[in-house]
C-alpha cells in the first residue's frame, strides 16, 4: 500500500507560559555544542557565548570557530545577536560572521536588564537606572 506523503510546514506554536515551554526549551538547547574554545551561558531565551584571551585576535578566531559549530546545531537569529568586546585597548572592529552576516561590535548592550558598556564603566547603566527611577517616582507622586 503506497502512501502519498507531503511535507508541510508546522504552523502550531506553544503559547507563552505553557507547561510544555520548559521541556521544549531543554530539548532545543540540548543540541548546543559543548566547547573548550568558548564558554556558553544559557538563561531563558538568552544565550551568551564568551571568550577571555590575552590577544583580541585569538578570542575572535576561537569565537568564530565556535559559532561555526553552533550554526550546524541550532538556528540563531543574527539580527537579534550582539557582539561586545570588553577592553581598554583600541578595538579594531573585530566583527564575527554568523550565517554569512556580520555581527559588528557595539559599545553598549543590554543583557537581563543590565546595560554593559565595552569599558565596563557602568556609566550608561547608572544613568539609565537613575532616570528610570526618577520617572517612576514622578508618575507615582505627581
N, C-alpha and C. Protein backbone atom coordinates (compact mmCIF):
# COMPACT_ATOMS: atom_id res chain seq x y z
N UNK A 1 0.85 -1.17 0.00
CA UNK A 1 0.00 0.00 0.00
C UNK A 1 0.90 1.24 0.00
N UNK A 2 0.84 2.01 -1.03
CA UNK A 2 1.66 3.22 -1.15
C UNK A 2 0.93 4.40 -0.54
N UNK A 3 1.64 5.17 0.22
CA UNK A 3 1.04 6.34 0.87
C UNK A 3 1.54 7.60 0.18
N UNK A 4 0.66 8.55 0.04
CA UNK A 4 1.06 9.85 -0.50
C UNK A 4 1.54 10.72 0.64
N UNK A 5 2.84 10.94 0.70
CA UNK A 5 3.41 11.76 1.76
C UNK A 5 3.73 13.14 1.22
N UNK A 6 3.35 14.13 1.97
CA UNK A 6 3.63 15.51 1.59
C UNK A 6 4.28 16.22 2.77
N UNK A 7 5.29 17.00 2.48
CA UNK A 7 5.90 17.81 3.54
C UNK A 7 5.04 19.04 3.77
N UNK A 8 4.82 19.35 5.03
CA UNK A 8 4.03 20.54 5.39
C UNK A 8 4.77 21.31 6.46
N UNK A 9 4.65 22.59 6.40
CA UNK A 9 5.24 23.45 7.42
C UNK A 9 4.37 23.39 8.67
N UNK A 10 5.00 23.26 9.82
CA UNK A 10 4.26 23.23 11.08
C UNK A 10 3.83 24.66 11.42
N UNK A 11 2.55 24.86 11.56
CA UNK A 11 2.02 26.19 11.84
C UNK A 11 1.76 26.41 13.33
N UNK A 12 1.75 25.34 14.11
CA UNK A 12 1.41 25.44 15.53
C UNK A 12 2.57 26.03 16.32
N UNK A 13 2.25 26.72 17.37
CA UNK A 13 3.24 27.27 18.28
C UNK A 13 2.81 26.93 19.70
N UNK A 14 3.75 27.01 20.62
CA UNK A 14 3.44 26.76 22.02
C UNK A 14 3.17 28.11 22.67
N UNK A 15 2.02 28.28 23.33
CA UNK A 15 1.72 29.55 23.97
C UNK A 15 2.73 29.89 25.06
N UNK A 16 3.02 31.17 25.21
CA UNK A 16 3.93 31.61 26.26
C UNK A 16 3.36 31.23 27.62
N UNK A 17 4.20 30.67 28.47
CA UNK A 17 3.75 30.25 29.79
C UNK A 17 3.20 28.84 29.82
N UNK A 18 3.19 28.17 28.68
CA UNK A 18 2.69 26.80 28.62
C UNK A 18 3.59 25.87 29.43
N UNK A 19 3.01 24.78 29.95
CA UNK A 19 3.81 23.81 30.70
C UNK A 19 4.77 23.08 29.77
N UNK A 20 4.52 23.11 28.47
CA UNK A 20 5.43 22.48 27.51
C UNK A 20 6.68 23.32 27.24
N UNK A 21 6.60 24.61 27.48
CA UNK A 21 7.71 25.50 27.14
C UNK A 21 9.04 25.09 27.76
N UNK A 22 9.12 24.82 29.07
CA UNK A 22 10.42 24.42 29.63
C UNK A 22 10.97 23.13 29.03
N UNK A 23 10.09 22.16 28.80
CA UNK A 23 10.54 20.89 28.23
C UNK A 23 11.07 21.10 26.81
N UNK A 24 10.35 21.84 25.99
CA UNK A 24 10.79 22.09 24.62
C UNK A 24 12.09 22.90 24.60
N UNK A 25 12.23 23.84 25.54
CA UNK A 25 13.48 24.61 25.63
C UNK A 25 14.65 23.70 25.96
N UNK A 26 14.47 22.79 26.89
CA UNK A 26 15.53 21.85 27.26
C UNK A 26 15.91 20.98 26.07
N UNK A 27 14.92 20.49 25.35
CA UNK A 27 15.21 19.67 24.17
C UNK A 27 15.95 20.47 23.10
N UNK A 28 15.56 21.73 22.91
CA UNK A 28 16.19 22.58 21.90
C UNK A 28 17.63 22.90 22.27
N UNK A 29 17.85 23.28 23.52
CA UNK A 29 19.20 23.69 23.92
C UNK A 29 20.11 22.50 24.19
N UNK A 30 19.56 21.31 24.23
CA UNK A 30 20.40 20.12 24.41
C UNK A 30 21.39 19.98 23.25
N UNK A 31 21.04 20.52 22.10
CA UNK A 31 21.90 20.43 20.92
C UNK A 31 22.98 21.51 20.88
N UNK A 32 22.99 22.42 21.83
CA UNK A 32 24.03 23.44 21.86
C UNK A 32 25.36 22.74 22.13
N UNK A 33 26.31 22.86 21.21
CA UNK A 33 27.56 22.10 21.36
C UNK A 33 28.40 22.56 22.55
N UNK A 34 29.02 21.60 23.22
CA UNK A 34 29.97 21.89 24.29
C UNK A 34 31.30 22.24 23.63
N UNK A 35 32.10 23.08 24.29
CA UNK A 35 33.33 23.52 23.65
C UNK A 35 34.39 23.88 24.68
N UNK A 36 35.65 23.68 24.29
CA UNK A 36 36.72 24.18 25.14
C UNK A 36 37.31 25.47 24.57
N UNK A 37 36.78 25.97 23.44
CA UNK A 37 37.28 27.22 22.87
C UNK A 37 36.41 28.42 23.26
N UNK A 38 35.20 28.16 23.77
CA UNK A 38 34.30 29.25 24.17
C UNK A 38 33.44 28.78 25.32
N UNK A 39 32.99 29.72 26.11
CA UNK A 39 32.08 29.43 27.22
C UNK A 39 30.67 29.82 26.80
N UNK A 40 29.70 29.04 27.23
CA UNK A 40 28.30 29.29 26.86
C UNK A 40 27.46 29.36 28.13
N UNK A 41 26.64 30.40 28.23
CA UNK A 41 25.69 30.55 29.33
C UNK A 41 24.29 30.63 28.71
N UNK A 42 23.38 29.83 29.22
CA UNK A 42 22.00 29.82 28.74
C UNK A 42 21.08 30.24 29.87
N UNK A 43 20.20 31.19 29.60
CA UNK A 43 19.19 31.59 30.57
C UNK A 43 17.95 32.00 29.79
N UNK A 44 16.85 31.29 30.04
CA UNK A 44 15.60 31.52 29.31
C UNK A 44 15.90 31.53 27.82
N UNK A 45 15.56 32.59 27.11
CA UNK A 45 15.85 32.61 25.68
C UNK A 45 17.10 33.42 25.35
N UNK A 46 17.94 33.67 26.35
CA UNK A 46 19.20 34.36 26.15
C UNK A 46 20.34 33.34 26.09
N UNK A 47 21.22 33.52 25.15
CA UNK A 47 22.42 32.70 25.07
C UNK A 47 23.61 33.65 24.99
N UNK A 48 24.57 33.44 25.86
CA UNK A 48 25.79 34.25 25.85
C UNK A 48 26.95 33.32 25.54
N UNK A 49 27.74 33.70 24.55
CA UNK A 49 28.95 32.96 24.21
C UNK A 49 30.10 33.93 24.45
N UNK A 50 31.04 33.53 25.27
CA UNK A 50 32.13 34.44 25.59
C UNK A 50 33.47 33.74 25.63
N UNK A 51 34.50 34.54 25.49
CA UNK A 51 35.87 34.03 25.48
C UNK A 51 36.78 35.10 26.08
N UNK A 52 37.67 34.68 26.96
CA UNK A 52 38.67 35.58 27.53
C UNK A 52 40.02 35.18 26.95
N UNK A 53 40.75 36.15 26.44
CA UNK A 53 42.05 35.87 25.86
C UNK A 53 42.96 37.08 26.01
N UNK A 54 44.25 36.86 25.99
CA UNK A 54 45.19 37.97 26.10
C UNK A 54 45.24 38.80 24.83
N UNK A 55 45.02 38.16 23.70
CA UNK A 55 45.03 38.86 22.41
C UNK A 55 43.63 38.81 21.82
N UNK A 56 43.16 39.96 21.39
CA UNK A 56 41.81 40.07 20.82
C UNK A 56 41.64 39.19 19.59
N UNK A 57 42.66 39.09 18.76
CA UNK A 57 42.54 38.30 17.54
C UNK A 57 42.35 36.81 17.86
N UNK A 58 42.98 36.32 18.93
CA UNK A 58 42.81 34.91 19.31
C UNK A 58 41.38 34.66 19.80
N UNK A 59 40.86 35.58 20.57
CA UNK A 59 39.49 35.45 21.05
C UNK A 59 38.52 35.43 19.87
N UNK A 60 38.73 36.32 18.90
CA UNK A 60 37.86 36.38 17.72
C UNK A 60 37.91 35.07 16.94
N UNK A 61 39.10 34.53 16.72
CA UNK A 61 39.24 33.29 15.95
C UNK A 61 38.53 32.14 16.66
N UNK A 62 38.69 32.06 17.97
CA UNK A 62 38.07 30.95 18.70
C UNK A 62 36.56 31.11 18.78
N UNK A 63 36.08 32.34 18.96
CA UNK A 63 34.64 32.57 18.96
C UNK A 63 34.03 32.24 17.60
N UNK A 64 34.73 32.66 16.55
CA UNK A 64 34.24 32.38 15.20
C UNK A 64 34.17 30.88 14.96
N UNK A 65 35.16 30.16 15.45
CA UNK A 65 35.17 28.70 15.32
C UNK A 65 33.97 28.08 16.02
N UNK A 66 33.68 28.55 17.23
CA UNK A 66 32.54 28.01 17.97
C UNK A 66 31.22 28.36 17.28
N UNK A 67 31.09 29.58 16.80
CA UNK A 67 29.86 29.99 16.13
C UNK A 67 29.62 29.15 14.88
N UNK A 68 30.68 28.79 14.19
CA UNK A 68 30.53 27.91 13.02
C UNK A 68 29.97 26.55 13.44
N UNK A 69 30.40 26.03 14.59
CA UNK A 69 29.84 24.77 15.11
C UNK A 69 28.38 24.96 15.49
N UNK A 70 28.08 26.09 16.11
CA UNK A 70 26.73 26.37 16.59
C UNK A 70 25.74 26.45 15.43
N UNK A 71 26.18 26.99 14.30
CA UNK A 71 25.31 27.12 13.14
C UNK A 71 24.81 25.77 12.65
N UNK A 72 25.57 24.72 12.87
CA UNK A 72 25.16 23.38 12.46
C UNK A 72 24.19 22.77 13.46
N UNK A 73 24.19 23.24 14.69
CA UNK A 73 23.39 22.61 15.75
C UNK A 73 22.01 23.26 15.92
N UNK A 74 21.97 24.58 16.03
CA UNK A 74 20.69 25.26 16.26
C UNK A 74 20.61 26.50 15.38
N UNK A 75 19.41 27.00 15.22
CA UNK A 75 19.19 28.21 14.44
C UNK A 75 19.20 29.42 15.36
N UNK A 76 20.09 30.34 15.07
CA UNK A 76 20.22 31.57 15.85
C UNK A 76 19.95 32.73 14.89
N UNK A 77 19.20 33.71 15.36
CA UNK A 77 18.86 34.86 14.53
C UNK A 77 20.00 35.89 14.61
N UNK A 78 20.76 36.08 13.53
CA UNK A 78 21.87 37.04 13.58
C UNK A 78 21.42 38.48 13.80
N UNK A 79 20.20 38.82 13.39
CA UNK A 79 19.74 40.20 13.58
C UNK A 79 19.42 40.49 15.05
N UNK A 80 19.22 39.44 15.86
CA UNK A 80 18.98 39.63 17.28
C UNK A 80 20.23 39.34 18.10
N UNK A 81 21.35 39.15 17.42
CA UNK A 81 22.61 38.85 18.09
C UNK A 81 23.43 40.11 18.24
N UNK A 82 24.25 40.14 19.28
CA UNK A 82 25.09 41.31 19.54
C UNK A 82 26.49 40.85 19.92
N UNK A 83 27.45 41.70 19.64
CA UNK A 83 28.84 41.45 19.98
C UNK A 83 29.35 42.65 20.74
N UNK A 84 29.96 42.40 21.87
CA UNK A 84 30.61 43.46 22.62
C UNK A 84 31.98 42.95 23.04
N UNK A 85 32.96 43.82 22.96
CA UNK A 85 34.33 43.47 23.34
C UNK A 85 34.69 44.31 24.54
N UNK A 86 34.92 43.64 25.67
CA UNK A 86 35.30 44.35 26.89
C UNK A 86 36.81 44.52 26.90
N UNK A 87 37.23 45.74 26.70
CA UNK A 87 38.66 46.03 26.67
C UNK A 87 38.91 47.51 26.90
N UNK A 88 40.08 47.81 27.39
CA UNK A 88 40.51 49.20 27.50
C UNK A 88 41.37 49.57 26.30
N UNK A 89 41.82 48.56 25.57
CA UNK A 89 42.64 48.79 24.38
C UNK A 89 41.77 49.24 23.22
N UNK A 90 42.42 49.72 22.17
CA UNK A 90 41.69 50.14 20.98
C UNK A 90 41.05 48.93 20.32
N UNK A 91 39.79 49.06 19.99
CA UNK A 91 39.04 47.98 19.37
C UNK A 91 39.08 48.20 17.86
N UNK A 92 39.67 47.26 17.13
CA UNK A 92 39.80 47.38 15.68
C UNK A 92 38.62 46.80 14.92
N UNK A 93 37.44 46.92 15.49
CA UNK A 93 36.22 46.47 14.83
C UNK A 93 36.32 45.01 14.39
N UNK A 94 36.54 44.12 15.33
CA UNK A 94 36.67 42.69 15.06
C UNK A 94 35.28 42.06 14.95
N UNK A 95 34.69 42.13 13.78
CA UNK A 95 33.36 41.56 13.59
C UNK A 95 33.40 40.04 13.59
N UNK A 96 32.25 39.43 13.85
CA UNK A 96 32.07 37.98 13.83
C UNK A 96 31.04 37.70 12.73
N UNK A 97 31.20 36.61 12.03
CA UNK A 97 30.25 36.20 11.00
C UNK A 97 29.30 35.15 11.56
N UNK A 98 28.00 35.33 11.30
CA UNK A 98 27.00 34.34 11.68
C UNK A 98 26.03 34.20 10.52
N UNK A 99 25.94 33.00 9.96
CA UNK A 99 25.10 32.75 8.78
C UNK A 99 25.41 33.77 7.68
N UNK A 100 26.68 34.02 7.45
CA UNK A 100 27.18 34.95 6.42
C UNK A 100 26.73 36.39 6.64
N UNK A 101 26.35 36.72 7.85
CA UNK A 101 26.03 38.11 8.19
C UNK A 101 27.03 38.60 9.22
N UNK A 102 27.48 39.82 9.07
CA UNK A 102 28.46 40.38 10.00
C UNK A 102 27.77 40.85 11.27
N UNK A 103 28.33 40.46 12.41
CA UNK A 103 27.89 40.97 13.71
C UNK A 103 29.00 41.92 14.17
N UNK A 104 28.71 43.21 14.15
CA UNK A 104 29.72 44.22 14.49
C UNK A 104 29.71 44.50 15.99
N UNK A 105 30.88 44.81 16.55
CA UNK A 105 30.93 45.15 17.98
C UNK A 105 30.11 46.40 18.28
N UNK A 106 29.44 46.37 19.41
CA UNK A 106 28.67 47.51 19.88
C UNK A 106 29.34 48.09 21.12
N UNK A 107 29.10 49.35 21.38
CA UNK A 107 29.66 50.00 22.57
C UNK A 107 28.88 49.63 23.82
N UNK A 108 27.55 49.43 23.67
CA UNK A 108 26.68 49.13 24.81
C UNK A 108 25.70 48.04 24.39
N UNK A 109 25.49 47.06 25.27
CA UNK A 109 24.45 46.06 25.05
C UNK A 109 23.63 45.93 26.33
N UNK A 110 22.40 45.48 26.18
CA UNK A 110 21.54 45.25 27.34
C UNK A 110 21.34 43.75 27.48
N UNK A 111 21.65 43.22 28.66
CA UNK A 111 21.50 41.80 28.92
C UNK A 111 20.85 41.63 30.28
N UNK A 112 19.69 40.98 30.29
CA UNK A 112 18.91 40.75 31.50
C UNK A 112 18.70 42.04 32.31
N UNK A 113 18.42 43.12 31.59
CA UNK A 113 18.10 44.39 32.24
C UNK A 113 19.30 45.22 32.65
N UNK A 114 20.49 44.74 32.39
CA UNK A 114 21.70 45.47 32.76
C UNK A 114 22.38 45.96 31.48
N UNK A 115 22.77 47.23 31.47
CA UNK A 115 23.47 47.81 30.32
C UNK A 115 24.98 47.65 30.55
N UNK A 116 25.62 46.90 29.66
CA UNK A 116 27.07 46.71 29.72
C UNK A 116 27.72 47.60 28.67
N UNK A 117 28.75 48.34 29.05
CA UNK A 117 29.50 49.10 28.06
C UNK A 117 30.87 48.45 27.88
N UNK A 118 31.49 48.70 26.74
CA UNK A 118 32.72 48.00 26.39
C UNK A 118 33.88 48.27 27.34
N UNK A 119 33.83 49.36 28.08
CA UNK A 119 34.88 49.66 29.06
C UNK A 119 34.52 49.23 30.47
N UNK A 120 33.33 48.65 30.64
CA UNK A 120 32.80 48.24 31.95
C UNK A 120 32.85 49.38 32.97
N UNK A 121 32.43 50.56 32.51
CA UNK A 121 32.43 51.72 33.41
C UNK A 121 31.11 51.85 34.17
N UNK A 122 30.04 51.25 33.67
CA UNK A 122 28.70 51.27 34.27
C UNK A 122 28.04 52.65 34.18
N UNK A 123 28.65 53.60 33.48
CA UNK A 123 28.07 54.95 33.37
C UNK A 123 26.69 54.91 32.72
N UNK A 124 26.58 54.21 31.60
CA UNK A 124 25.30 54.16 30.89
C UNK A 124 24.23 53.49 31.76
N UNK A 125 24.58 52.40 32.42
CA UNK A 125 23.60 51.68 33.23
C UNK A 125 23.13 52.54 34.41
N UNK A 126 24.05 53.19 35.09
CA UNK A 126 23.64 54.00 36.24
C UNK A 126 22.80 55.20 35.80
N UNK A 127 23.15 55.80 34.66
CA UNK A 127 22.34 56.91 34.14
C UNK A 127 20.94 56.43 33.78
N UNK A 128 20.86 55.28 33.12
CA UNK A 128 19.56 54.72 32.76
C UNK A 128 18.74 54.38 34.01
N UNK A 129 19.36 53.72 34.98
CA UNK A 129 18.64 53.34 36.20
C UNK A 129 18.17 54.57 36.96
N UNK A 130 19.01 55.59 37.01
CA UNK A 130 18.64 56.83 37.71
C UNK A 130 17.46 57.51 37.04
N UNK A 131 17.51 57.66 35.71
CA UNK A 131 16.41 58.34 35.01
C UNK A 131 15.13 57.51 35.06
N UNK A 132 15.26 56.21 35.00
CA UNK A 132 14.10 55.34 35.09
C UNK A 132 13.44 55.44 36.47
N UNK A 133 14.26 55.47 37.51
CA UNK A 133 13.74 55.58 38.88
C UNK A 133 13.06 56.93 39.11
N UNK A 134 13.69 57.99 38.63
CA UNK A 134 13.11 59.33 38.78
C UNK A 134 11.78 59.40 38.04
N UNK A 135 11.74 58.84 36.81
CA UNK A 135 10.49 58.84 36.04
C UNK A 135 9.37 58.10 36.74
N UNK A 136 9.68 56.95 37.34
CA UNK A 136 8.67 56.18 38.07
C UNK A 136 8.22 56.92 39.32
N UNK A 137 9.14 57.59 39.99
CA UNK A 137 8.81 58.36 41.19
C UNK A 137 7.87 59.51 40.85
N UNK A 138 8.16 60.20 39.75
CA UNK A 138 7.33 61.34 39.32
C UNK A 138 5.92 60.87 38.96
N UNK A 139 5.82 59.70 38.31
CA UNK A 139 4.49 59.16 37.97
C UNK A 139 3.71 58.75 39.21
N UNK A 140 4.43 58.21 40.21
CA UNK A 140 3.76 57.75 41.45
C UNK A 140 3.34 58.92 42.33
N UNK A 141 4.15 59.97 42.35
CA UNK A 141 3.89 61.13 43.22
C UNK A 141 3.95 62.41 42.39
N UNK A 142 2.85 62.70 41.64
CA UNK A 142 2.86 63.88 40.75
C UNK A 142 2.91 65.20 41.45
